Amino acid sequence: MTTIKTLQDQRIGGAVFYPRPDLPFGKIAKGARDLMFDVASGVRLRLRLFRGPKDAPNILFFHGNGETARDYDPMADEFRELPATFAVGEYRGYGTSTGTPSIYTFLEDAHRTFDEYRKVLFEEGRMGPIIVMGRSLGSAPAIDLALARAEFVSGLIIESGFARLVPLLELIGIPARTFNITEEYGPQNELKMGEIYLPTLFIHAEEDEIIPISDAERLFQACRDRGKTLYLVERAGHNDLHAKAGKKYYTTISSLIERAIEKDTEEE
């Protein structure tokens, strides 16, 4: 019988998570600010902030596997020009964050990251809507927050998201069924999406070699947002989606932001 201990086994965690330190992929974004906060004894996480106009919407982004918050410096100005304040949450062991990631802690930590982000926004008088966004591995914390913290979230963006845990584990070489691992022990992205009504945008590469396009379709079908959008990036794979999409990547996100603002206006 599968237990939480089974899923926290180092062999499984080591296969799922690929933490690494920051690497100098580009110039440090002007105005970048790192906020470090404690989530457990000896464990600190980084929230990297890129401030946009004070009255702009606020995006909280969760990065993909093998990435760090610092990797998004080259994209920061594009997000700020939407306009939006852009922040990247990090997981244990990634970048300058400490600790060891697990399937369970990285969802719990996302809520702490969300609370820290809201605290900063409040302190700086940034009252624009909050949009959560997740790429690949980051789709799980983004979906979890969109459902559990819906009263504070105005929109959801899922880029290269996965629908189910078991097929993903088997794709990366973990015999999930042999370990008797079932979906109930994972983030349950598809199940949660079936309860989300927020304005939602899905972005996925047509030729994604890691997370198949069928995952995006499953998440899209499950989502309860009547105005949901699925943007498929032609001739793109999992790791060159942004480059292949070009400016359309940001114009599509801008359209979701407009819907999020409309949602907030209607609720006032």
C-alpha atoms as a PDB file:
ATOM      1  CA  MET A   1       0.000   0.000   0.000  1.00  0.00           C
ATOM      2  CA  THR A   2       1.320   3.443  -0.937  1.00  0.00           C
ATOM      3  CA  THR A   3       2.048   5.816   1.919  1.00  0.00           C
ATOM      4  CA  ILE A   4       3.253   9.393   2.169  1.00  0.00           C
ATOM      5  CA  LYS A   5       6.601   7.945   3.249  1.00  0.00           C
ATOM      6  CA  THR A   6       6.809   6.045  -0.037  1.00  0.00           C
ATOM      7  CA  LEU A   7       6.375   9.218  -2.047  1.00  0.00           C
ATOM      8  CA  GLN A   8       8.875  11.091   0.075  1.00  0.00           C
ATOM      9  CA  ASP A   9      11.487   8.412  -0.573  1.00  0.00           C
ATOM     10  CA  GLN A  10      14.675  10.074  -1.827  1.00  0.00           C
ATOM     11  CA  ARG A  11      14.704   7.967  -4.978  1.00  0.00           C
ATOM     12  CA  ILE A  12      11.333   9.354  -6.026  1.00  0.00           C
ATOM     13  CA  GLY A  13      12.029  12.913  -4.951  1.00  0.00           C
ATOM     14  CA  GLY A  14      15.377  12.776  -6.690  1.00  0.00           C
ATOM     15  CA  ALA A  15      13.727  11.681  -9.925  1.00  0.00           C
ATOM     16  CA  VAL A  16      10.946  14.280  -9.809  1.00  0.00           C
ATOM     17  CA  PHE A  17      12.903  17.367  -8.740  1.00  0.00           C
ATOM     18  CA  TYR A  18      16.033  18.758 -10.390  1.00  0.00           C
ATOM     19  CA  PRO A  19      17.216  21.599  -8.140  1.00  0.00           C
ATOM     20  CA  ARG A  20      20.254  23.622  -9.153  1.00  0.00           C
ATOM     21  CA  PRO A  21      21.921  26.923  -8.216  1.00  0.00           C
ATOM     22  CA  ASP A  22      21.586  30.115 -10.230  1.00  0.00           C
ATOM     23  CA  LEU A  23      23.476  30.205 -13.525  1.00  0.00           C
ATOM     24  CA  PRO A  24      24.420  33.388 -15.417  1.00  0.00           C
ATOM     25  CA  PHE A  25      22.090  32.979 -18.407  1.00  0.00           C
ATOM     26  CA  GLY A  26      21.820  36.729 -18.914  1.00  0.00           C
ATOM     27  CA  LYS A  27      22.078  40.134 -17.310  1.00  0.00           C
ATOM     28  CA  ILE A  28      20.467  40.668 -13.932  1.00  0.00           C
ATOM     29  CA  ALA A  29      17.189  42.506 -14.476  1.00  0.00           C
ATOM     30  CA  LYS A  30      17.230  46.143 -13.434  1.00  0.00           C
ATOM     31  CA  GLY A  31      15.250  46.669 -10.252  1.00  0.00           C
ATOM     32  CA  ALA A  32      15.106  42.975  -9.303  1.00  0.00           C
ATOM     33  CA  ARG A  33      14.558  42.396  -5.594  1.00  0.00           C
ATOM     34  CA  ASP A  34      15.004  39.118  -3.724  1.00  0.00           C
ATOM     35  CA  LEU A  35      12.801  38.504  -0.714  1.00  0.00           C
ATOM     36  CA  MET A  36      13.922  35.583   1.467  1.00  0.00           C
ATOM     37  CA  PHE A  37      11.516  34.112   4.009  1.00  0.00           C
ATOM     38  CA  ASP A  38      11.441  31.105   6.365  1.00  0.00           C
ATOM     39  CA  VAL A  39       9.084  28.158   5.766  1.00  0.00           C
ATOM     40  CA  ALA A  40      10.626  25.629   8.184  1.00  0.00           C
ATOM     41  CA  SER A  41      13.566  25.311  10.525  1.00  0.00           C
ATOM     42  CA  GLY A  42      16.660  25.971   8.445  1.00  0.00           C
ATOM     43  CA  VAL A  43      14.648  26.351   5.236  1.00  0.00           C
ATOM     44  CA  ARG A  44      14.369  29.668   3.423  1.00  0.00           C
ATOM     45  CA  LEU A  45      12.697  30.374   0.095  1.00  0.00           C
ATOM     46  CA  ARG A  46      13.275  33.136  -2.408  1.00  0.00           C
ATOM     47  CA  LEU A  47      10.611  35.291  -4.021  1.00  0.00           C
ATOM     48  CA  ARG A  48      12.152  37.358  -6.820  1.00  0.00           C
ATOM     49  CA  LEU A  49      10.255  40.584  -7.512  1.00  0.00           C
ATOM     50  CA  PHE A  50      10.192  42.773 -10.613  1.00  0.00           C
ATOM     51  CA  ARG A  51       8.016  45.794  -9.914  1.00  0.00           C
ATOM     52  CA  GLY A  52       5.720  47.207 -12.572  1.00  0.00           C
ATOM     53  CA  PRO A  53       3.514  50.319 -12.316  1.00  0.00           C
ATOM     54  CA  LYS A  54       1.885  50.642  -8.914  1.00  0.00           C
ATOM     55  CA  ASP A  55      -1.679  50.236 -10.228  1.00  0.00           C
ATOM     56  CA  ALA A  56      -0.842  47.330 -12.553  1.00  0.00           C
ATOM     57  CA  PRO A  57      -1.987  43.704 -12.138  1.00  0.00           C
ATOM     58  CA  ASN A  58       0.335  41.383 -10.216  1.00  0.00           C
ATOM     59  CA  ILE A  59       1.567  38.049 -11.574  1.00  0.00           C
ATOM     60  CA  LEU A  60       2.958  35.343  -9.279  1.00  0.00           C
ATOM     61  CA  PHE A  61       4.877  32.831 -11.404  1.00  0.00           C
ATOM     62  CA  PHE A  62       6.086  29.332 -10.441  1.00  0.00           C
ATOM     63  CA  HIS A  63       8.964  28.117 -12.598  1.00  0.00           C
ATOM     64  CA  GLY A  64       9.597  24.763 -14.224  1.00  0.00           C
ATOM     65  CA  ASN A  65      11.903  21.951 -13.140  1.00  0.00           C
ATOM     66  CA  GLY A  66      15.635  22.508 -13.451  1.00  0.00           C
ATOM     67  CA  GLU A  67      15.021  26.276 -13.431  1.00  0.00           C
ATOM     68  CA  THR A  68      15.421  29.033 -10.849  1.00  0.00           C
ATOM     69  CA  ALA A  69      13.776  32.396 -10.278  1.00  0.00           C
ATOM     70  CA  ARG A  70      16.915  34.095 -11.620  1.00  0.00           C
ATOM     71  CA  ASP A  71      16.359  32.468 -15.034  1.00  0.00           C
ATOM     72  CA  TYR A  72      13.414  34.780 -15.654  1.00  0.00           C
ATOM     73  CA  ASP A  73      15.409  38.014 -15.470  1.00  0.00           C
ATOM     74  CA  PRO A  74      15.624  38.211 -19.293  1.00  0.00           C
ATOM     75  CA  MET A  75      11.805  38.134 -19.492  1.00  0.00           C
ATOM     76  CA  ALA A  76      11.114  40.521 -16.631  1.00  0.00           C
ATOM     77  CA  ASP A  77      10.944  43.715 -18.694  1.00  0.00           C
ATOM     78  CA  GLU A  78       8.470  42.129 -21.128  1.00  0.00           C
ATOM     79  CA  PHE A  79       6.159  41.297 -18.224  1.00  0.00           C
ATOM     80  CA  ARG A  80       6.550  44.751 -16.713  1.00  0.00           C
ATOM     81  CA  GLU A  81       5.616  46.309 -20.049  1.00  0.00           C
ATOM     82  CA  LEU A  82       2.286  44.436 -20.194  1.00  0.00           C
ATOM     83  CA  PRO A  83       2.123  46.203 -17.685  1.00  0.00           C
ATOM     84  CA  ALA A  84       2.359  43.985 -14.596  1.00  0.00           C
ATOM     85  CA  THR A  85       4.355  43.478 -11.457  1.00  0.00           C
ATOM     86  CA  PHE A  86       6.049  40.111 -11.962  1.00  0.00           C
ATOM     87  CA  ALA A  87       7.271  37.822  -9.175  1.00  0.00           C
ATOM     88  CA  VAL A  88       8.827  34.353  -9.393  1.00  0.00           C
ATOM     89  CA  GLY A  89       8.415  31.882  -6.542  1.00  0.00           C
ATOM     90  CA  GLU A  90      11.091  29.245  -5.942  1.00  0.00           C
ATOM     91  CA  TYR A  91      11.153  25.720  -4.475  1.00  0.00           C
ATOM     92  CA  ARG A  92      13.361  24.219  -1.794  1.00  0.00           C
ATOM     93  CA  GLY A  93      16.884  23.600  -3.031  1.00  0.00           C
ATOM     94  CA  TYR A  94      16.516  25.698  -6.196  1.00  0.00           C
ATOM     95  CA  GLY A  95      18.547  28.847  -6.795  1.00  0.00           C
ATOM     96  CA  THR A  96      19.248  30.548  -3.467  1.00  0.00           C
ATOM     97  CA  SER A  97      16.437  28.679  -1.674  1.00  0.00           C
ATOM     98  CA  THR A  98      17.524  26.094   0.900  1.00  0.00           C
ATOM     99  CA  GLY A  99      16.196  22.696   1.946  1.00  0.00           C
ATOM    100  CA  THR A 100      15.173  19.588  -0.001  1.00  0.00           C
ATOM    101  CA  PRO A 101      12.051  19.563  -2.182  1.00  0.00           C
ATOM    102  CA  SER A 102       9.333  16.915  -1.957  1.00  0.00           C
ATOM    103  CA  ILE A 103       5.984  16.278  -3.621  1.00  0.00           C
ATOM    104  CA  TYR A 104       4.193  17.490  -0.502  1.00  0.00           C
ATOM    105  CA  THR A 105       6.235  20.433   0.702  1.00  0.00           C
ATOM    106  CA  PHE A 106       6.341  22.258  -2.608  1.00  0.00           C
ATOM    107  CA  LEU A 107       2.561  22.725  -2.614  1.00  0.00           C
ATOM    108  CA  GLU A 108       2.495  23.777   1.038  1.00  0.00           C
ATOM    109  CA  ASP A 109       5.358  26.180   0.404  1.00  0.00           C
ATOM    110  CA  ALA A 110       3.455  27.775  -2.491  1.00  0.00           C
ATOM    111  CA  HIS A 111       0.856  29.036  -0.019  1.00  0.00           C
ATOM    112  CA  ARG A 112       3.567  30.646   2.085  1.00  0.00           C
ATOM    113  CA  THR A 113       4.993  32.225  -1.068  1.00  0.00           C
ATOM    114  CA  PHE A 114       1.533  33.513  -1.974  1.00  0.00           C
ATOM    115  CA  ASP A 115       1.076  35.022   1.492  1.00  0.00           C
ATOM    116  CA  GLU A 116       4.470  36.729   1.329  1.00  0.00           C
ATOM    117  CA  TYR A 117       3.612  38.166  -2.093  1.00  0.00           C
ATOM    118  CA  ARG A 118       0.281  39.521  -0.875  1.00  0.00           C
ATOM    119  CA  LYS A 119       2.027  41.040   2.129  1.00  0.00           C
ATOM    120  CA  VAL A 120       4.500  42.892  -0.088  1.00  0.00           C
ATOM    121  CA  LEU A 121       1.746  44.100  -2.415  1.00  0.00           C
ATOM    122  CA  PHE A 122      -0.275  45.389   0.536  1.00  0.00           C
ATOM    123  CA  GLU A 123       2.701  47.146   2.096  1.00  0.00           C
ATOM    124  CA  GLU A 124       3.485  48.889  -1.199  1.00  0.00           C
ATOM    125  CA  GLY A 125      -0.143  49.807  -1.887  1.00  0.00           C
ATOM    126  CA  ARG A 126      -0.365  47.623  -4.997  1.00  0.00           C
ATOM    127  CA  MET A 127      -4.078  46.860  -5.189  1.00  0.00           C
ATOM    128  CA  GLY A 128      -4.278  45.422  -8.714  1.00  0.00           C
ATOM    129  CA  PRO A 129      -5.623  41.896  -9.293  1.00  0.00           C
ATOM    130  CA  ILE A 130      -3.404  38.881  -8.615  1.00  0.00           C
ATOM    131  CA  ILE A 131      -2.871  36.297 -11.338  1.00  0.00           C
ATOM    132  CA  VAL A 132      -1.112  33.013 -10.603  1.00  0.00           C
ATOM    133  CA  MET A 133       0.935  31.392 -13.342  1.00  0.00           C
ATOM    134  CA  GLY A 134       2.870  28.135 -13.486  1.00  0.00           C
ATOM    135  CA  ARG A 135       5.124  26.514 -16.043  1.00  0.00           C
ATOM    136  CA  SER A 136       5.519  22.716 -16.249  1.00  0.00           C
ATOM    137  CA  LEU A 137       6.214  21.570 -12.656  1.00  0.00           C
ATOM    138  CA  GLY A 138       4.966  24.986 -11.555  1.00  0.00           C
ATOM    139  CA  SER A 139       1.500  24.228 -12.915  1.00  0.00           C
ATOM    140  CA  ALA A 140       0.770  22.262  -9.720  1.00  0.00           C
ATOM    141  CA  PRO A 141       1.242  25.106  -7.206  1.00  0.00           C
ATOM    142  CA  ALA A 142      -0.499  27.563  -9.553  1.00  0.00           C
ATOM    143  CA  ILE A 143      -3.572  25.345  -9.899  1.00  0.00           C
ATOM    144  CA  ASP A 144      -3.618  24.594  -6.182  1.00  0.00           C
ATOM    145  CA  LEU A 145      -3.592  28.303  -5.337  1.00  0.00           C
ATOM    146  CA  ALA A 146      -6.206  29.163  -7.968  1.00  0.00           C
ATOM    147  CA  LEU A 147      -8.573  26.735  -6.282  1.00  0.00           C
ATOM    148  CA  ALA A 148      -7.716  27.089  -2.584  1.00  0.00           C
ATOM    149  CA  ARG A 149      -7.197  30.878  -2.623  1.00  0.00           C
ATOM    150  CA  ALA A 150      -9.787  31.771  -5.271  1.00  0.00           C
ATOM    151  CA  GLU A 151     -11.095  34.704  -3.216  1.00  0.00           C
ATOM    152  CA  PHE A 152      -7.736  36.452  -3.659  1.00  0.00           C
ATOM    153  CA  VAL A 153      -6.932  35.301  -7.220  1.00  0.00           C
ATOM    154  CA  SER A 154      -8.374  36.905 -10.357  1.00  0.00           C
ATOM    155  CA  GLY A 155      -6.832  34.771 -13.098  1.00  0.00           C
ATOM    156  CA  LEU A 156      -4.817  31.634 -13.870  1.00  0.00           C
ATOM    157  CA  ILE A 157      -2.202  30.930 -16.560  1.00  0.00           C
ATOM    158  CA  ILE A 158      -0.882  27.406 -17.121  1.00  0.00           C
ATOM    159  CA  GLU A 159       2.120  26.981 -19.402  1.00  0.00           C
ATOM    160  CA  SER A 160       3.182  23.449 -20.396  1.00  0.00           C
ATOM    161  CA  GLY A 161       1.135  22.049 -17.509  1.00  0.00           C
ATOM    162  CA  PHE A 162       0.664  18.375 -16.680  1.00  0.00           C
ATOM    163  CA  ALA A 163      -2.728  16.832 -15.970  1.00  0.00           C
ATOM    164  CA  ARG A 164      -1.891  13.632 -14.071  1.00  0.00           C
ATOM    165  CA  LEU A 165       1.028  12.512 -11.911  1.00  0.00           C
ATOM    166  CA  VAL A 166       1.259   8.788 -12.756  1.00  0.00           C
ATOM    167  CA  PRO A 167       1.795   9.133 -16.539  1.00  0.00           C
ATOM    168  CA  LEU A 168       4.321  11.906 -15.890  1.00  0.00           C
ATOM    169  CA  LEU A 169       6.301   9.769 -13.424  1.00  0.00           C
ATOM    170  CA  GLU A 170       6.384   6.857 -15.848  1.00  0.00           C
ATOM    171  CA  LEU A 171       7.464   9.160 -18.662  1.00  0.00           C
ATOM    172  CA  ILE A 172      10.546  10.187 -16.650  1.00  0.00           C
ATOM    173  CA  GLY A 173      11.344   6.596 -15.720  1.00  0.00           C
ATOM    174  CA  ILE A 174       9.640   6.071 -12.353  1.00  0.00           C
ATOM    175  CA  PRO A 175       7.533   2.862 -12.336  1.00  0.00           C
ATOM    176  CA  ALA A 176       4.632   4.505 -10.505  1.00  0.00           C
ATOM    177  CA  ARG A 177       2.268   1.566 -10.866  1.00  0.00           C
ATOM    178  CA  THR A 178       4.948  -0.792  -9.507  1.00  0.00           C
ATOM    179  CA  PHE A 179       5.148   1.397  -6.401  1.00  0.00           C
ATOM    180  CA  ASN A 180       1.317   1.451  -6.274  1.00  0.00           C
ATOM    181  CA  ILE A 181       1.384   5.226  -6.623  1.00  0.00           C
ATOM    182  CA  THR A 182      -2.019   6.608  -7.597  1.00  0.00           C
ATOM    183  CA  GLU A 183      -3.269  10.073  -8.510  1.00  0.00           C
ATOM    184  CA  GLU A 184      -4.620  10.736  -5.014  1.00  0.00           C
ATOM    185  CA  TYR A 185      -1.060  11.048  -3.713  1.00  0.00           C
ATOM    186  CA  GLY A 186      -0.101  13.705  -6.253  1.00  0.00           C
ATOM    187  CA  PRO A 187      -1.173  17.310  -6.879  1.00  0.00           C
ATOM    188  CA  GLN A 188      -4.298  16.140  -8.783  1.00  0.00           C
ATOM    189  CA  ASN A 189      -4.120  18.946 -11.326  1.00  0.00           C
ATOM    190  CA  GLU A 190      -6.914  17.650 -13.553  1.00  0.00           C
ATOM    191  CA  LEU A 191      -9.294  17.052 -10.648  1.00  0.00           C
ATOM    192  CA  LYS A 192      -8.687  20.506  -9.181  1.00  0.00           C
ATOM    193  CA  MET A 193      -9.085  22.162 -12.561  1.00  0.00           C
ATOM    194  CA  GLY A 194     -12.625  20.815 -12.645  1.00  0.00           C
ATOM    195  CA  GLU A 195     -13.461  23.201  -9.792  1.00  0.00           C
ATOM    196  CA  ILE A 196     -11.813  26.336 -11.170  1.00  0.00           C
ATOM    197  CA  TYR A 197     -14.021  29.087 -12.643  1.00  0.00           C
ATOM    198  CA  LEU A 198     -11.417  31.875 -12.783  1.00  0.00           C
ATOM    199  CA  PRO A 199     -10.410  33.423 -16.136  1.00  0.00           C
ATOM    200  CA  THR A 200      -7.902  30.844 -17.377  1.00  0.00           C
ATOM    201  CA  LEU A 201      -5.329  30.669 -20.163  1.00  0.00           C
ATOM    202  CA  PHE A 202      -3.463  27.515 -21.206  1.00  0.00           C
ATOM    203  CA  ILE A 203      -0.232  27.775 -23.219  1.00  0.00           C
ATOM    204  CA  HIS A 204       1.361  24.628 -24.612  1.00  0.00           C
ATOM    205  CA  ALA A 205       3.882  23.667 -27.290  1.00  0.00           C
ATOM    206  CA  GLU A 206       2.445  21.631 -30.159  1.00  0.00           C
ATOM    207  CA  GLU A 207       5.533  19.397 -30.193  1.00  0.00           C
ATOM    208  CA  ASP A 208       6.178  19.181 -26.438  1.00  0.00           C
ATOM    209  CA  GLU A 209       8.395  16.126 -25.947  1.00  0.00           C
ATOM    210  CA  ILE A 210       8.117  16.083 -22.143  1.00  0.00           C
ATOM    211  CA  ILE A 211       4.488  16.880 -21.353  1.00  0.00           C
ATOM    212  CA  PRO A 212       2.280  15.844 -24.296  1.00  0.00           C
ATOM    213  CA  ILE A 213      -0.316  18.171 -25.746  1.00  0.00           C
ATOM    214  CA  SER A 214      -3.002  15.754 -24.519  1.00  0.00           C
ATOM    215  CA  ASP A 215      -2.280  16.993 -20.958  1.00  0.00           C
ATOM    216  CA  ALA A 216      -3.124  20.552 -21.976  1.00  0.00           C
ATOM    217  CA  GLU A 217      -6.312  19.318 -23.624  1.00  0.00           C
ATOM    218  CA  ARG A 218      -7.340  17.405 -20.506  1.00  0.00           C
ATOM    219  CA  LEU A 219      -6.783  20.442 -18.295  1.00  0.00           C
ATOM    220  CA  PHE A 220      -8.600  22.676 -20.767  1.00  0.00           C
ATOM    221  CA  GLN A 221     -11.623  20.372 -20.902  1.00  0.00           C
ATOM    222  CA  ALA A 222     -11.776  20.113 -17.117  1.00  0.00           C
ATOM    223  CA  CYS A 223     -11.614  23.876 -16.503  1.00  0.00           C
ATOM    224  CA  ARG A 224     -14.982  25.473 -15.685  1.00  0.00           C
ATOM    225  CA  ASP A 225     -14.160  28.923 -17.068  1.00  0.00           C
ATOM    226  CA  ARG A 226     -16.545  29.614 -19.960  1.00  0.00           C
ATOM    227  CA  GLY A 227     -14.088  31.988 -21.606  1.00  0.00           C
ATOM    228  CA  LYS A 228     -11.019  29.749 -21.245  1.00  0.00           C
ATOM    229  CA  THR A 229      -8.378  29.845 -23.974  1.00  0.00           C
ATOM    230  CA  LEU A 230      -5.878  27.256 -25.200  1.00  0.00           C
ATOM    231  CA  TYR A 231      -2.948  28.779 -27.087  1.00  0.00           C
ATOM    232  CA  LEU A 232      -0.876  26.164 -28.932  1.00  0.00           C
ATOM    233  CA  VAL A 233       2.572  27.328 -30.002  1.00  0.00           C
ATOM    234  CA  GLU A 234       3.409  25.940 -33.432  1.00  0.00           C
ATOM    235  CA  ARG A 235       6.679  24.091 -34.102  1.00  0.00           C
ATOM    236  CA  ALA A 236       7.704  24.489 -30.471  1.00  0.00           C
ATOM    237  CA  GLY A 237       8.959  21.990 -27.903  1.00  0.00           C
ATOM    238  CA  HIS A 238       8.942  22.038 -24.116  1.00  0.00           C
ATOM    239  CA  ASN A 239      12.015  24.236 -23.729  1.00  0.00           C
ATOM    240  CA  ASP A 240      11.784  26.588 -26.714  1.00  0.00           C
ATOM    241  CA  LEU A 241       8.114  27.553 -26.396  1.00  0.00           C
ATOM    242  CA  HIS A 242       8.856  31.131 -25.403  1.00  0.00           C
ATOM    243  CA  ALA A 243      11.347  31.698 -28.218  1.00  0.00           C
ATOM    244  CA  LYS A 244       9.015  30.234 -30.846  1.00  0.00           C
ATOM    245  CA  ALA A 245       5.974  32.157 -29.605  1.00  0.00           C
ATOM    246  CA  GLY A 246       7.717  35.540 -29.652  1.00  0.00           C
ATOM    247  CA  LYS A 247       5.553  38.602 -29.032  1.00  0.00           C
ATOM    248  CA  LYS A 248       2.350  36.575 -29.265  1.00  0.00           C
ATOM    249  CA  TYR A 249       3.273  34.994 -25.934  1.00  0.00           C
ATOM    250  CA  TYR A 250       2.830  38.352 -24.230  1.00  0.00           C
ATOM    251  CA  THR A 251      -0.167  39.580 -26.223  1.00  0.00           C
ATOM    252  CA  THR A 252      -2.017  36.370 -25.314  1.00  0.00           C
ATOM    253  CA  ILE A 253      -1.147  36.849 -21.634  1.00  0.00           C
ATOM    254  CA  SER A 254      -2.273  40.474 -21.932  1.00  0.00           C
ATOM    255  CA  SER A 255      -5.712  39.285 -23.073  1.00  0.00           C
ATOM    256  CA  LEU A 256      -6.016  37.089 -19.967  1.00  0.00           C
ATOM    257  CA  ILE A 257      -4.987  40.023 -17.788  1.00  0.00           C
ATOM    258  CA  GLU A 258      -7.783  42.116 -19.317  1.00  0.00           C
ATOM    259  CA  ARG A 259     -10.296  39.410 -18.421  1.00  0.00           C
ATOM    260  CA  ALA A 260      -8.933  39.291 -14.862  1.00  0.00           C
ATOM    261  CA  ILE A 261      -9.343  43.054 -14.532  1.00  0.00           C
ATOM    262  CA  GLU A 262     -12.915  42.823 -15.853  1.00  0.00           C
ATOM    263  CA  LYS A 263     -13.650  40.122 -13.277  1.00  0.00           C
ATOM    264  CA  ASP A 264     -12.424  42.364 -10.478  1.00  0.00           C
ATOM    265  CA  THR A 265     -14.402  45.325 -11.778  1.00  0.00           C
ATOM    266  CA  GLU A 266     -17.626  43.304 -11.945  1.00  0.00           C
ATOM    267  CA  GLU A 267     -17.187  42.133  -8.337  1.00  0.00           C
ATOM    268  CA  GLU A 268     -16.684  45.637  -6.918  1.00  0.00           C
END
